Structures are given as C-alpha cells and as structure tokens.
C-alpha cells in the first residue's frame, strides 16, 4: 500500500464528524413541551372540570349500559357493512352492466346522504308505510305488522349505520381488489382456477393489506358515529350521560366521562388494528427485509 493511501486512511480515521445542529427542531420541541405543560396545569388546577364528579359517574350502571350498547352497535354495523360491502365491491367489478349499475347506485345514495338523516328516516318509516306486510302477489298475506312495532329505535339505528357503512366498505374493498396486480388473476385462470376460487384464494388475501388500514379507521369512526343515534332516544353512551346531566346539570363532568370512555375504546381498537396490519403485512415485511439484505450484500 502506498504512503499516500496510508495518509488518506489515517486522515479518515482521525476525522471527527460533528452532527448537524437542528436548532429549529429544538425550539419546536421546547414550544410543544411548554404548551403541553400549560394544558396539563389548566386541566389539573381548574376546579370547574369537577374530576371528583367524573370519578363518581365513570362506572355507574347507566353509563356502562350505554357503553355496552355503543359497542354492540359498532360491532353489528361493521358486520352488516362487511356483509354488504364485499358483494357490492365484487358487483362493481362484474361484466354485467345491471350488477355494476345497482352497486354504483347503492354506494352513491348511502354515501351521498348524511347518516343522521338516514337514522331519522328509518326511525320515521311508519310515516311512509304504516304497516309492513309480506305475502304472495295476488295471493294471501303471510305477515303483517305495525311499522312502529317492527322498526324499533335499535333496528332503525342498525339499518342506518349498517347500510351506510356498507357503502363505504364497498369502496374500501374495491380499492383493495384493484390494488392486486392483474397478472395474479391471469395466472390463476391459466392454471384452471374459477373466478370464485381466484377471488377467495388469490386476490382477497393480497388485497387485505390495502383493506385493513382504512377498514380499521372506519371501525373507529363508527364507534363515534353511534353517538348520533341519541337523537332517536336510543340509550347508547352519549344518551346515557345526557340523561344524567339533564337531571343533575353537571354537563362538563358527564361529557368528560363519555369522552374518556371513547378514548379508551378507540385506543384498544387502535392496538387491534396495529396487530391486524402487521399480520396481513407479513409478506411485505419479509420482502423488504430480504431486499435490504441483498442490497447490503451487494
């Protein structure tokens, strides 16, 4: 090795690299910390928050019953949304124009009207149809009942939330299906798989990486949207705390009770979403890891 090479190597070893000072980041971090401390101080020292009242009502029976109803509505609405969304997304991809148009119109209508309007509409369905009947055309009536008896506040909420969620889920699933390369479908067809087998075994497992993140966000959003059913006097979480503060006039503490419960449930759902994303993204993670190893070896 030549003396010039040795000198260059020695200089490289003796050279000290100083990290770049990022004063802007330090100042921003300091401002955020100061604002956070001020916020905590206000929350802790302001007696009007009435944290003792929050503690008294946090686990009362009516609040817990309302929380259970909120979780029930969220779960049912998401199940209905999935049950509708998957076939609607497949129909949008169909070569049959009638199926494509029907799916488009369903999504257009339920995404285009506010969910609050849909809740009120289903609750007042008796204004259009005083009785609901089922029978054979030109023949006997098999079933007939008063609409208000059938469409209870709970059923009205499930219909409104589930149908609305079905429209959004259909678009989420459709985006996942479109994200899968067409070559995957062609390869499956080349080895003799039917379209149903291709969808179930090839396309959907790969599309889940795209579907799960927005669907998880929709679940969290649905949890909060359930508060809208309080307008039809359904005893979910918000309606339960409203009933209490209308009697006690302790509005802020009871709203804090509801907010804390919402935050707790959303945090749990966010953790579940993280593990689901990691589960369905395992192949992508291994691919990235292997690519990094190949690049490092090169």
C-alpha atoms as a PDB file:
ATOM      1  CA  UNK A   1       0.000   0.000   0.000  1.00  0.00           C
ATOM      2  CA  UNK A   2       1.443   3.412  -0.955  1.00  0.00           C
ATOM      3  CA  UNK A   3       2.245   6.185   1.512  1.00  0.00           C
ATOM      4  CA  UNK A   4      -0.467   8.406   0.003  1.00  0.00           C
ATOM      5  CA  UNK A   5      -3.055   5.719   0.626  1.00  0.00           C
ATOM      6  CA  UNK A   6      -1.854   5.270   4.208  1.00  0.00           C
ATOM      7  CA  UNK A   7      -2.007   9.009   4.834  1.00  0.00           C
ATOM      8  CA  UNK A   8      -5.545   9.229   3.404  1.00  0.00           C
ATOM      9  CA  UNK A   9      -6.645   6.296   5.567  1.00  0.00           C
ATOM     10  CA  UNK A  10      -5.108   7.874   8.656  1.00  0.00           C
ATOM     11  CA  UNK A  11      -6.845  11.186   7.964  1.00  0.00           C
ATOM     12  CA  UNK A  12     -10.183   9.416   7.512  1.00  0.00           C
ATOM     13  CA  UNK A  13      -9.761   7.628  10.839  1.00  0.00           C
ATOM     14  CA  UNK A  14      -8.707  10.811  12.671  1.00  0.00           C
ATOM     15  CA  UNK A  15     -11.518  12.902  11.190  1.00  0.00           C
ATOM     16  CA  UNK A  16     -14.262  13.717  13.690  1.00  0.00           C
ATOM     17  CA  UNK A  17     -17.771  14.097  12.280  1.00  0.00           C
ATOM     18  CA  UNK A  18     -19.965  16.521  14.183  1.00  0.00           C
ATOM     19  CA  UNK A  19     -23.734  16.080  13.863  1.00  0.00           C
ATOM     20  CA  UNK A  20     -25.620  18.945  12.308  1.00  0.00           C
ATOM     21  CA  UNK A  21     -27.307  21.121  14.881  1.00  0.00           C
ATOM     22  CA  UNK A  22     -31.014  21.415  14.246  1.00  0.00           C
ATOM     23  CA  UNK A  23     -31.965  24.497  16.219  1.00  0.00           C
ATOM     24  CA  UNK A  24     -35.398  24.698  14.635  1.00  0.00           C
ATOM     25  CA  UNK A  25     -36.332  21.233  15.886  1.00  0.00           C
ATOM     26  CA  UNK A  26     -35.088  22.034  19.382  1.00  0.00           C
ATOM     27  CA  UNK A  27     -37.134  25.240  19.527  1.00  0.00           C
ATOM     28  CA  UNK A  28     -40.231  23.466  18.192  1.00  0.00           C
ATOM     29  CA  UNK A  29     -39.848  20.679  20.746  1.00  0.00           C
ATOM     30  CA  UNK A  30     -39.446  23.206  23.562  1.00  0.00           C
ATOM     31  CA  UNK A  31     -42.595  25.074  22.475  1.00  0.00           C
ATOM     32  CA  UNK A  32     -44.589  21.815  22.329  1.00  0.00           C
ATOM     33  CA  UNK A  33     -43.401  20.789  25.810  1.00  0.00           C
ATOM     34  CA  UNK A  34     -44.283  24.197  27.276  1.00  0.00           C
ATOM     35  CA  UNK A  35     -47.750  24.146  25.693  1.00  0.00           C
ATOM     36  CA  UNK A  36     -48.343  20.587  26.929  1.00  0.00           C
ATOM     37  CA  UNK A  37     -47.346  21.549  30.474  1.00  0.00           C
ATOM     38  CA  UNK A  38     -49.647  24.569  30.380  1.00  0.00           C
ATOM     39  CA  UNK A  39     -52.517  22.376  29.161  1.00  0.00           C
ATOM     40  CA  UNK A  40     -51.921  19.818  31.916  1.00  0.00           C
ATOM     41  CA  UNK A  41     -51.764  22.619  34.500  1.00  0.00           C
ATOM     42  CA  UNK A  42     -55.097  24.053  33.318  1.00  0.00           C
ATOM     43  CA  UNK A  43     -56.772  20.643  33.356  1.00  0.00           C
ATOM     44  CA  UNK A  44     -55.483  19.772  36.819  1.00  0.00           C
ATOM     45  CA  UNK A  45     -55.976  23.116  38.563  1.00  0.00           C
ATOM     46  CA  UNK A  46     -59.326  24.189  37.053  1.00  0.00           C
ATOM     47  CA  UNK A  47     -61.971  23.182  39.584  1.00  0.00           C
ATOM     48  CA  UNK A  48     -64.741  23.556  37.006  1.00  0.00           C
ATOM     49  CA  UNK A  49     -63.724  20.239  35.448  1.00  0.00           C
ATOM     50  CA  UNK A  50     -65.047  18.603  38.643  1.00  0.00           C
ATOM     51  CA  UNK A  51     -62.874  15.488  38.428  1.00  0.00           C
ATOM     52  CA  UNK A  52     -64.463  14.127  41.591  1.00  0.00           C
ATOM     53  CA  UNK A  53     -67.837  14.068  39.807  1.00  0.00           C
ATOM     54  CA  UNK A  54     -66.196  12.385  36.807  1.00  0.00           C
ATOM     55  CA  UNK A  55     -64.908   9.665  39.122  1.00  0.00           C
ATOM     56  CA  UNK A  56     -68.303   9.215  40.760  1.00  0.00           C
ATOM     57  CA  UNK A  57     -70.150   8.646  37.469  1.00  0.00           C
ATOM     58  CA  UNK A  58     -67.420   6.922  35.464  1.00  0.00           C
ATOM     59  CA  UNK A  59     -68.524   3.380  36.297  1.00  0.00           C
ATOM     60  CA  UNK A  60     -72.179   3.904  37.156  1.00  0.00           C
ATOM     61  CA  UNK A  61     -74.576   1.290  35.798  1.00  0.00           C
ATOM     62  CA  UNK A  62     -76.327   3.578  33.293  1.00  0.00           C
ATOM     63  CA  UNK A  63     -73.015   4.698  31.795  1.00  0.00           C
ATOM     64  CA  UNK A  64     -71.752   1.120  31.488  1.00  0.00           C
ATOM     65  CA  UNK A  65     -75.045   0.012  29.912  1.00  0.00           C
ATOM     66  CA  UNK A  66     -74.729   2.861  27.410  1.00  0.00           C
ATOM     67  CA  UNK A  67     -71.134   1.866  26.684  1.00  0.00           C
ATOM     68  CA  UNK A  68     -72.208  -1.726  26.065  1.00  0.00           C
ATOM     69  CA  UNK A  69     -74.911  -0.538  23.650  1.00  0.00           C
ATOM     70  CA  UNK A  70     -72.326   1.612  21.821  1.00  0.00           C
ATOM     71  CA  UNK A  71     -70.019  -1.389  21.417  1.00  0.00           C
ATOM     72  CA  UNK A  72     -72.959  -3.524  20.289  1.00  0.00           C
ATOM     73  CA  UNK A  73     -73.998  -1.006  17.632  1.00  0.00           C
ATOM     74  CA  UNK A  74     -70.419  -0.642  16.409  1.00  0.00           C
ATOM     75  CA  UNK A  75     -69.919  -4.401  16.059  1.00  0.00           C
ATOM     76  CA  UNK A  76     -73.278  -5.024  14.342  1.00  0.00           C
ATOM     77  CA  UNK A  77     -72.886  -2.069  11.975  1.00  0.00           C
ATOM     78  CA  UNK A  78     -69.406  -3.214  10.910  1.00  0.00           C
ATOM     79  CA  UNK A  79     -70.586  -6.806  10.381  1.00  0.00           C
ATOM     80  CA  UNK A  80     -73.507  -5.578   8.269  1.00  0.00           C
ATOM     81  CA  UNK A  81     -71.151  -3.245   6.422  1.00  0.00           C
ATOM     82  CA  UNK A  82     -68.754  -6.082   5.625  1.00  0.00           C
ATOM     83  CA  UNK A  83     -71.586  -8.408   4.604  1.00  0.00           C
ATOM     84  CA  UNK A  84     -72.818  -5.766   2.152  1.00  0.00           C
ATOM     85  CA  UNK A  85     -69.504  -4.233   1.150  1.00  0.00           C
ATOM     86  CA  UNK A  86     -67.807  -7.354  -0.191  1.00  0.00           C
ATOM     87  CA  UNK A  87     -70.560  -8.390  -2.653  1.00  0.00           C
ATOM     88  CA  UNK A  88     -71.094  -4.764  -3.668  1.00  0.00           C
ATOM     89  CA  UNK A  89     -67.388  -4.389  -4.448  1.00  0.00           C
ATOM     90  CA  UNK A  90     -67.419  -7.602  -6.488  1.00  0.00           C
ATOM     91  CA  UNK A  91     -70.541  -6.399  -8.315  1.00  0.00           C
ATOM     92  CA  UNK A  92     -68.721  -3.177  -9.269  1.00  0.00           C
ATOM     93  CA  UNK A  93     -66.075  -5.352 -10.941  1.00  0.00           C
ATOM     94  CA  UNK A  94     -68.646  -7.515 -12.735  1.00  0.00           C
ATOM     95  CA  UNK A  95     -69.002  -7.568 -16.517  1.00  0.00           C
ATOM     96  CA  UNK A  96     -72.785  -7.480 -16.047  1.00  0.00           C
ATOM     97  CA  UNK A  97     -73.958  -3.884 -16.508  1.00  0.00           C
ATOM     98  CA  UNK A  98     -77.038  -4.346 -14.313  1.00  0.00           C
ATOM     99  CA  UNK A  99     -74.929  -5.543 -11.376  1.00  0.00           C
ATOM    100  CA  UNK A 100     -72.410  -2.720 -11.846  1.00  0.00           C
ATOM    101  CA  UNK A 101     -75.143  -0.099 -12.010  1.00  0.00           C
ATOM    102  CA  UNK A 102     -77.014  -1.470  -8.986  1.00  0.00           C
ATOM    103  CA  UNK A 103     -73.849  -1.416  -6.899  1.00  0.00           C
ATOM    104  CA  UNK A 104     -72.964   2.094  -8.056  1.00  0.00           C
ATOM    105  CA  UNK A 105     -76.435   3.439  -7.203  1.00  0.00           C
ATOM    106  CA  UNK A 106     -76.373   1.862  -3.736  1.00  0.00           C
ATOM    107  CA  UNK A 107     -72.986   3.394  -2.939  1.00  0.00           C
ATOM    108  CA  UNK A 108     -73.981   6.731  -4.476  1.00  0.00           C
ATOM    109  CA  UNK A 109     -77.142   7.022  -2.403  1.00  0.00           C
ATOM    110  CA  UNK A 110     -75.879   5.925   1.003  1.00  0.00           C
ATOM    111  CA  UNK A 111     -72.603   7.850   0.738  1.00  0.00           C
ATOM    112  CA  UNK A 112     -74.389  10.910  -0.610  1.00  0.00           C
ATOM    113  CA  UNK A 113     -76.875  11.374   2.227  1.00  0.00           C
ATOM    114  CA  UNK A 114     -75.889  12.213   5.846  1.00  0.00           C
ATOM    115  CA  UNK A 115     -76.039   9.292   8.245  1.00  0.00           C
ATOM    116  CA  UNK A 116     -78.048  11.422  10.690  1.00  0.00           C
ATOM    117  CA  UNK A 117     -80.738  11.878   8.027  1.00  0.00           C
ATOM    118  CA  UNK A 118     -80.747   8.128   7.410  1.00  0.00           C
ATOM    119  CA  UNK A 119     -81.182   7.420  11.138  1.00  0.00           C
ATOM    120  CA  UNK A 120     -84.157   9.788  11.389  1.00  0.00           C
ATOM    121  CA  UNK A 121     -85.632   8.415   8.155  1.00  0.00           C
ATOM    122  CA  UNK A 122     -85.613   4.790   9.327  1.00  0.00           C
ATOM    123  CA  UNK A 123     -86.997   5.809  12.716  1.00  0.00           C
ATOM    124  CA  UNK A 124     -89.922   7.551  10.987  1.00  0.00           C
ATOM    125  CA  UNK A 125     -90.514   4.901   8.326  1.00  0.00           C
ATOM    126  CA  UNK A 126     -94.104   4.496   9.555  1.00  0.00           C
ATOM    127  CA  UNK A 127     -94.925   7.878   8.020  1.00  0.00           C
ATOM    128  CA  UNK A 128     -94.470   6.230   4.610  1.00  0.00           C
ATOM    129  CA  UNK A 129     -95.549   2.689   5.448  1.00  0.00           C
ATOM    130  CA  UNK A 130     -97.908   2.467   8.457  1.00  0.00           C
ATOM    131  CA  UNK A 131     -97.859  -1.330   8.193  1.00  0.00           C
ATOM    132  CA  UNK A 132     -95.304  -3.793   6.874  1.00  0.00           C
ATOM    133  CA  UNK A 133     -96.626  -6.869   5.131  1.00  0.00           C
ATOM    134  CA  UNK A 134     -95.247  -9.866   3.315  1.00  0.00           C
ATOM    135  CA  UNK A 135     -97.322 -12.012   1.020  1.00  0.00           C
ATOM    136  CA  UNK A 136     -97.690 -13.704  -2.332  1.00  0.00           C
ATOM    137  CA  UNK A 137     -98.608 -11.292  -5.157  1.00  0.00           C
ATOM    138  CA  UNK A 138    -102.264 -11.842  -5.894  1.00  0.00           C
ATOM    139  CA  UNK A 139    -102.446 -14.316  -3.034  1.00  0.00           C
ATOM    140  CA  UNK A 140    -102.702 -14.373   0.761  1.00  0.00           C
ATOM    141  CA  UNK A 141    -100.730 -12.156   3.131  1.00  0.00           C
ATOM    142  CA  UNK A 142     -98.215 -14.172   5.116  1.00  0.00           C
ATOM    143  CA  UNK A 143     -97.112 -11.495   7.557  1.00  0.00           C
ATOM    144  CA  UNK A 144     -98.385  -8.067   8.589  1.00  0.00           C
ATOM    145  CA  UNK A 145     -97.390  -5.830  11.470  1.00  0.00           C
ATOM    146  CA  UNK A 146     -97.396  -2.234  12.595  1.00  0.00           C
ATOM    147  CA  UNK A 147     -94.238  -0.490  11.358  1.00  0.00           C
ATOM    148  CA  UNK A 148     -93.546   1.174  14.697  1.00  0.00           C
ATOM    149  CA  UNK A 149     -93.622  -2.253  16.337  1.00  0.00           C
ATOM    150  CA  UNK A 150     -91.111  -3.702  13.878  1.00  0.00           C
ATOM    151  CA  UNK A 151     -88.809  -0.700  13.398  1.00  0.00           C
ATOM    152  CA  UNK A 152     -87.674  -0.144  16.963  1.00  0.00           C
ATOM    153  CA  UNK A 153     -85.051   2.520  17.728  1.00  0.00           C
ATOM    154  CA  UNK A 154     -82.403  -0.222  17.882  1.00  0.00           C
ATOM    155  CA  UNK A 155     -83.375  -1.669  14.499  1.00  0.00           C
ATOM    156  CA  UNK A 156     -83.577   1.813  12.953  1.00  0.00           C
ATOM    157  CA  UNK A 157     -80.054   2.527  14.192  1.00  0.00           C
ATOM    158  CA  UNK A 158     -78.712  -0.798  12.881  1.00  0.00           C
ATOM    159  CA  UNK A 159     -80.313  -0.279   9.460  1.00  0.00           C
ATOM    160  CA  UNK A 160     -78.995   3.270   9.123  1.00  0.00           C
ATOM    161  CA  UNK A 161     -75.483   2.584  10.387  1.00  0.00           C
ATOM    162  CA  UNK A 162     -75.127  -0.790   8.651  1.00  0.00           C
ATOM    163  CA  UNK A 163     -76.346   0.344   5.234  1.00  0.00           C
ATOM    164  CA  UNK A 164     -74.254   3.494   5.380  1.00  0.00           C
ATOM    165  CA  UNK A 165     -71.188   1.521   6.380  1.00  0.00           C
ATOM    166  CA  UNK A 166     -71.859  -0.984   3.601  1.00  0.00           C
ATOM    167  CA  UNK A 167     -71.442   1.772   1.013  1.00  0.00           C
ATOM    168  CA  UNK A 168     -68.101   2.906   2.447  1.00  0.00           C
ATOM    169  CA  UNK A 169     -66.861  -0.646   2.930  1.00  0.00           C
ATOM    170  CA  UNK A 170     -67.694  -1.436  -0.696  1.00  0.00           C
ATOM    171  CA  UNK A 171     -65.344   1.306  -1.869  1.00  0.00           C
ATOM    172  CA  UNK A 172     -62.619   0.213   0.542  1.00  0.00           C
ATOM    173  CA  UNK A 173     -62.828  -3.404  -0.647  1.00  0.00           C
ATOM    174  CA  UNK A 174     -62.951  -2.295  -4.280  1.00  0.00           C
ATOM    175  CA  UNK A 175     -59.768  -0.276  -3.832  1.00  0.00           C
ATOM    176  CA  UNK A 176     -58.099  -3.344  -2.308  1.00  0.00           C
ATOM    177  CA  UNK A 177     -59.186  -5.544  -5.206  1.00  0.00           C
ATOM    178  CA  UNK A 178     -57.886  -3.027  -7.733  1.00  0.00           C
ATOM    179  CA  UNK A 179     -54.544  -2.900  -5.927  1.00  0.00           C
ATOM    180  CA  UNK A 180     -53.834  -6.567  -6.744  1.00  0.00           C
ATOM    181  CA  UNK A 181     -51.931  -6.926  -9.983  1.00  0.00           C
ATOM    182  CA  UNK A 182     -53.990  -8.241 -12.890  1.00  0.00           C
ATOM    183  CA  UNK A 183     -51.240 -10.771 -13.564  1.00  0.00           C
ATOM    184  CA  UNK A 184     -52.264 -12.634 -10.408  1.00  0.00           C
ATOM    185  CA  UNK A 185     -55.762 -13.176 -11.798  1.00  0.00           C
ATOM    186  CA  UNK A 186     -54.420 -14.170 -15.204  1.00  0.00           C
ATOM    187  CA  UNK A 187     -52.042 -16.692 -13.655  1.00  0.00           C
ATOM    188  CA  UNK A 188     -54.856 -18.205 -11.585  1.00  0.00           C
ATOM    189  CA  UNK A 189     -57.041 -18.508 -14.687  1.00  0.00           C
ATOM    190  CA  UNK A 190     -54.151 -20.126 -16.571  1.00  0.00           C
ATOM    191  CA  UNK A 191     -53.975 -22.981 -14.047  1.00  0.00           C
ATOM    192  CA  UNK A 192     -57.729 -23.560 -14.246  1.00  0.00           C
ATOM    193  CA  UNK A 193     -58.997 -21.761 -11.121  1.00  0.00           C
ATOM    194  CA  UNK A 194     -62.534 -20.403 -11.250  1.00  0.00           C
ATOM    195  CA  UNK A 195     -63.260 -16.724 -10.615  1.00  0.00           C
ATOM    196  CA  UNK A 196     -64.636 -17.533  -7.158  1.00  0.00           C
ATOM    197  CA  UNK A 197     -61.522 -19.555  -6.271  1.00  0.00           C
ATOM    198  CA  UNK A 198     -59.281 -16.785  -7.592  1.00  0.00           C
ATOM    199  CA  UNK A 199     -61.095 -14.186  -5.522  1.00  0.00           C
ATOM    200  CA  UNK A 200     -61.052 -16.281  -2.340  1.00  0.00           C
ATOM    201  CA  UNK A 201     -57.543 -17.750  -2.535  1.00  0.00           C
ATOM    202  CA  UNK A 202     -55.506 -15.271  -4.558  1.00  0.00           C
ATOM    203  CA  UNK A 203     -56.998 -11.786  -4.721  1.00  0.00           C
ATOM    204  CA  UNK A 204     -58.575 -11.246  -1.287  1.00  0.00           C
ATOM    205  CA  UNK A 205     -55.557 -12.402   0.785  1.00  0.00           C
ATOM    206  CA  UNK A 206     -53.356  -9.933  -1.073  1.00  0.00           C
ATOM    207  CA  UNK A 207     -55.974  -7.175  -1.026  1.00  0.00           C
ATOM    208  CA  UNK A 208     -56.263  -7.380   2.774  1.00  0.00           C
ATOM    209  CA  UNK A 209     -53.035  -5.390   3.136  1.00  0.00           C
ATOM    210  CA  UNK A 210     -54.818  -2.476   1.471  1.00  0.00           C
ATOM    211  CA  UNK A 211     -58.245  -3.100   3.021  1.00  0.00           C
ATOM    212  CA  UNK A 212     -57.355  -3.452   6.715  1.00  0.00           C
ATOM    213  CA  UNK A 213     -55.947   0.067   7.476  1.00  0.00           C
ATOM    214  CA  UNK A 214     -58.933   2.084   6.154  1.00  0.00           C
ATOM    215  CA  UNK A 215     -61.374  -0.510   7.496  1.00  0.00           C
ATOM    216  CA  UNK A 216     -59.799  -0.152  10.929  1.00  0.00           C
ATOM    217  CA  UNK A 217     -60.220   3.615  10.674  1.00  0.00           C
ATOM    218  CA  UNK A 218     -63.852   3.103   9.662  1.00  0.00           C
ATOM    219  CA  UNK A 219     -64.412   0.955  12.765  1.00  0.00           C
ATOM    220  CA  UNK A 220     -63.032   3.700  14.988  1.00  0.00           C
ATOM    221  CA  UNK A 221     -65.144   6.258  13.152  1.00  0.00           C
ATOM    222  CA  UNK A 222     -68.244   4.072  13.525  1.00  0.00           C
ATOM    223  CA  UNK A 223     -67.702   3.913  17.287  1.00  0.00           C
ATOM    224  CA  UNK A 224     -68.075   7.698  17.420  1.00  0.00           C
ATOM    225  CA  UNK A 225     -70.836   7.899  14.799  1.00  0.00           C
ATOM    226  CA  UNK A 226     -73.032   5.742  17.048  1.00  0.00           C
ATOM    227  CA  UNK A 227     -73.455   8.831  19.234  1.00  0.00           C
ATOM    228  CA  UNK A 228     -75.812  10.186  16.548  1.00  0.00           C
ATOM    229  CA  UNK A 229     -78.470   7.633  17.483  1.00  0.00           C
ATOM    230  CA  UNK A 230     -79.062   9.628  20.657  1.00  0.00           C
ATOM    231  CA  UNK A 231     -81.465  11.739  18.543  1.00  0.00           C
ATOM    232  CA  UNK A 232     -83.894   8.795  18.460  1.00  0.00           C
ATOM    233  CA  UNK A 233     -83.581   8.234  22.225  1.00  0.00           C
ATOM    234  CA  UNK A 234     -81.518   5.072  21.987  1.00  0.00           C
ATOM    235  CA  UNK A 235     -79.564   4.613  25.202  1.00  0.00           C
ATOM    236  CA  UNK A 236     -76.011   4.465  23.941  1.00  0.00           C
ATOM    237  CA  UNK A 237     -73.088   6.108  25.764  1.00  0.00           C
ATOM    238  CA  UNK A 238     -73.788   9.741  24.878  1.00  0.00           C
ATOM    239  CA  UNK A 239     -77.535   9.443  25.523  1.00  0.00           C
ATOM    240  CA  UNK A 240     -76.814   7.861  28.913  1.00  0.00           C
ATOM    241  CA  UNK A 241     -74.633  10.739  30.090  1.00  0.00           C
ATOM    242  CA  UNK A 242     -77.116  13.239  28.639  1.00  0.00           C
ATOM    243  CA  UNK A 243     -79.875  11.685  30.734  1.00  0.00           C
ATOM    244  CA  UNK A 244     -77.729  12.137  33.839  1.00  0.00           C
ATOM    245  CA  UNK A 245     -76.642  15.733  33.267  1.00  0.00           C
ATOM    246  CA  UNK A 246     -80.168  16.805  32.333  1.00  0.00           C
ATOM    247  CA  UNK A 247     -81.122  15.789  35.854  1.00  0.00           C
ATOM    248  CA  UNK A 248     -78.001  16.998  37.690  1.00  0.00           C
ATOM    249  CA  UNK A 249     -76.938  19.934  35.435  1.00  0.00           C
ATOM    250  CA  UNK A 250     -73.334  18.705  35.628  1.00  0.00           C
ATOM    251  CA  UNK A 251     -72.777  18.925  31.876  1.00  0.00           C
ATOM    252  CA  UNK A 252     -68.984  19.165  31.606  1.00  0.00           C
ATOM    253  CA  UNK A 253     -68.110  16.318  34.020  1.00  0.00           C
ATOM    254  CA  UNK A 254     -70.549  13.957  32.305  1.00  0.00           C
ATOM    255  CA  UNK A 255     -69.253  14.862  28.856  1.00  0.00           C
ATOM    256  CA  UNK A 256     -65.759  14.129  30.165  1.00  0.00           C
ATOM    257  CA  UNK A 257     -66.978  10.715  31.302  1.00  0.00           C
ATOM    258  CA  UNK A 258     -68.191   9.937  27.777  1.00  0.00           C
ATOM    259  CA  UNK A 259     -65.034  11.347  26.178  1.00  0.00           C
ATOM    260  CA  UNK A 260     -62.713   9.276  28.366  1.00  0.00           C
ATOM    261  CA  UNK A 261     -64.632   6.092  27.599  1.00  0.00           C
ATOM    262  CA  UNK A 262     -64.484   6.857  23.877  1.00  0.00           C
ATOM    263  CA  UNK A 263     -60.728   7.426  24.128  1.00  0.00           C
ATOM    264  CA  UNK A 264     -60.220   4.156  25.997  1.00  0.00           C
ATOM    265  CA  UNK A 265     -62.166   2.091  23.453  1.00  0.00           C
ATOM    266  CA  UNK A 266     -60.514   3.854  20.494  1.00  0.00           C
ATOM    267  CA  UNK A 267     -57.096   3.107  21.998  1.00  0.00           C
ATOM    268  CA  UNK A 268     -57.962  -0.586  22.301  1.00  0.00           C
ATOM    269  CA  UNK A 269     -59.244  -0.663  18.713  1.00  0.00           C
ATOM    270  CA  UNK A 270     -56.091   1.080  17.508  1.00  0.00           C
ATOM    271  CA  UNK A 271     -53.934  -1.611  19.120  1.00  0.00           C
ATOM    272  CA  UNK A 272     -56.046  -4.307  17.467  1.00  0.00           C
ATOM    273  CA  UNK A 273     -55.722  -2.534  14.119  1.00  0.00           C
ATOM    274  CA  UNK A 274     -51.933  -2.427  14.519  1.00  0.00           C
ATOM    275  CA  UNK A 275     -51.683  -6.183  15.044  1.00  0.00           C
ATOM    276  CA  UNK A 276     -54.054  -6.880  12.140  1.00  0.00           C
ATOM    277  CA  UNK A 277     -51.970  -4.706   9.827  1.00  0.00           C
ATOM    278  CA  UNK A 278     -48.812  -6.462  10.973  1.00  0.00           C
ATOM    279  CA  UNK A 279     -50.452  -9.875  10.391  1.00  0.00           C
ATOM    280  CA  UNK A 280     -51.593  -9.145   6.851  1.00  0.00           C
ATOM    281  CA  UNK A 281     -48.378  -7.284   6.011  1.00  0.00           C
ATOM    282  CA  UNK A 282     -46.049 -10.137   6.961  1.00  0.00           C
ATOM    283  CA  UNK A 283     -45.192 -10.995   3.355  1.00  0.00           C
ATOM    284  CA  UNK A 284     -44.393  -7.374   2.556  1.00  0.00           C
ATOM    285  CA  UNK A 285     -42.188  -7.101   5.635  1.00  0.00           C
ATOM    286  CA  UNK A 286     -40.193 -10.198   4.687  1.00  0.00           C
ATOM    287  CA  UNK A 287     -39.849  -8.898   1.146  1.00  0.00           C
ATOM    288  CA  UNK A 288     -38.479  -5.568   2.354  1.00  0.00           C
ATOM    289  CA  UNK A 289     -36.117  -7.313   4.781  1.00  0.00           C
ATOM    290  CA  UNK A 290     -34.789  -9.642   2.105  1.00  0.00           C
ATOM    291  CA  UNK A 291     -34.370  -6.733  -0.306  1.00  0.00           C
ATOM    292  CA  UNK A 292     -32.380  -4.815   2.301  1.00  0.00           C
ATOM    293  CA  UNK A 293     -30.134  -7.833   2.898  1.00  0.00           C
ATOM    294  CA  UNK A 294     -29.494  -8.240  -0.829  1.00  0.00           C
ATOM    295  CA  UNK A 295     -28.665  -4.561  -1.186  1.00  0.00           C
ATOM    296  CA  UNK A 296     -26.336  -4.726   1.824  1.00  0.00           C
ATOM    297  CA  UNK A 297     -24.571  -7.783   0.415  1.00  0.00           C
ATOM    298  CA  UNK A 298     -24.130  -6.083  -2.946  1.00  0.00           C
END
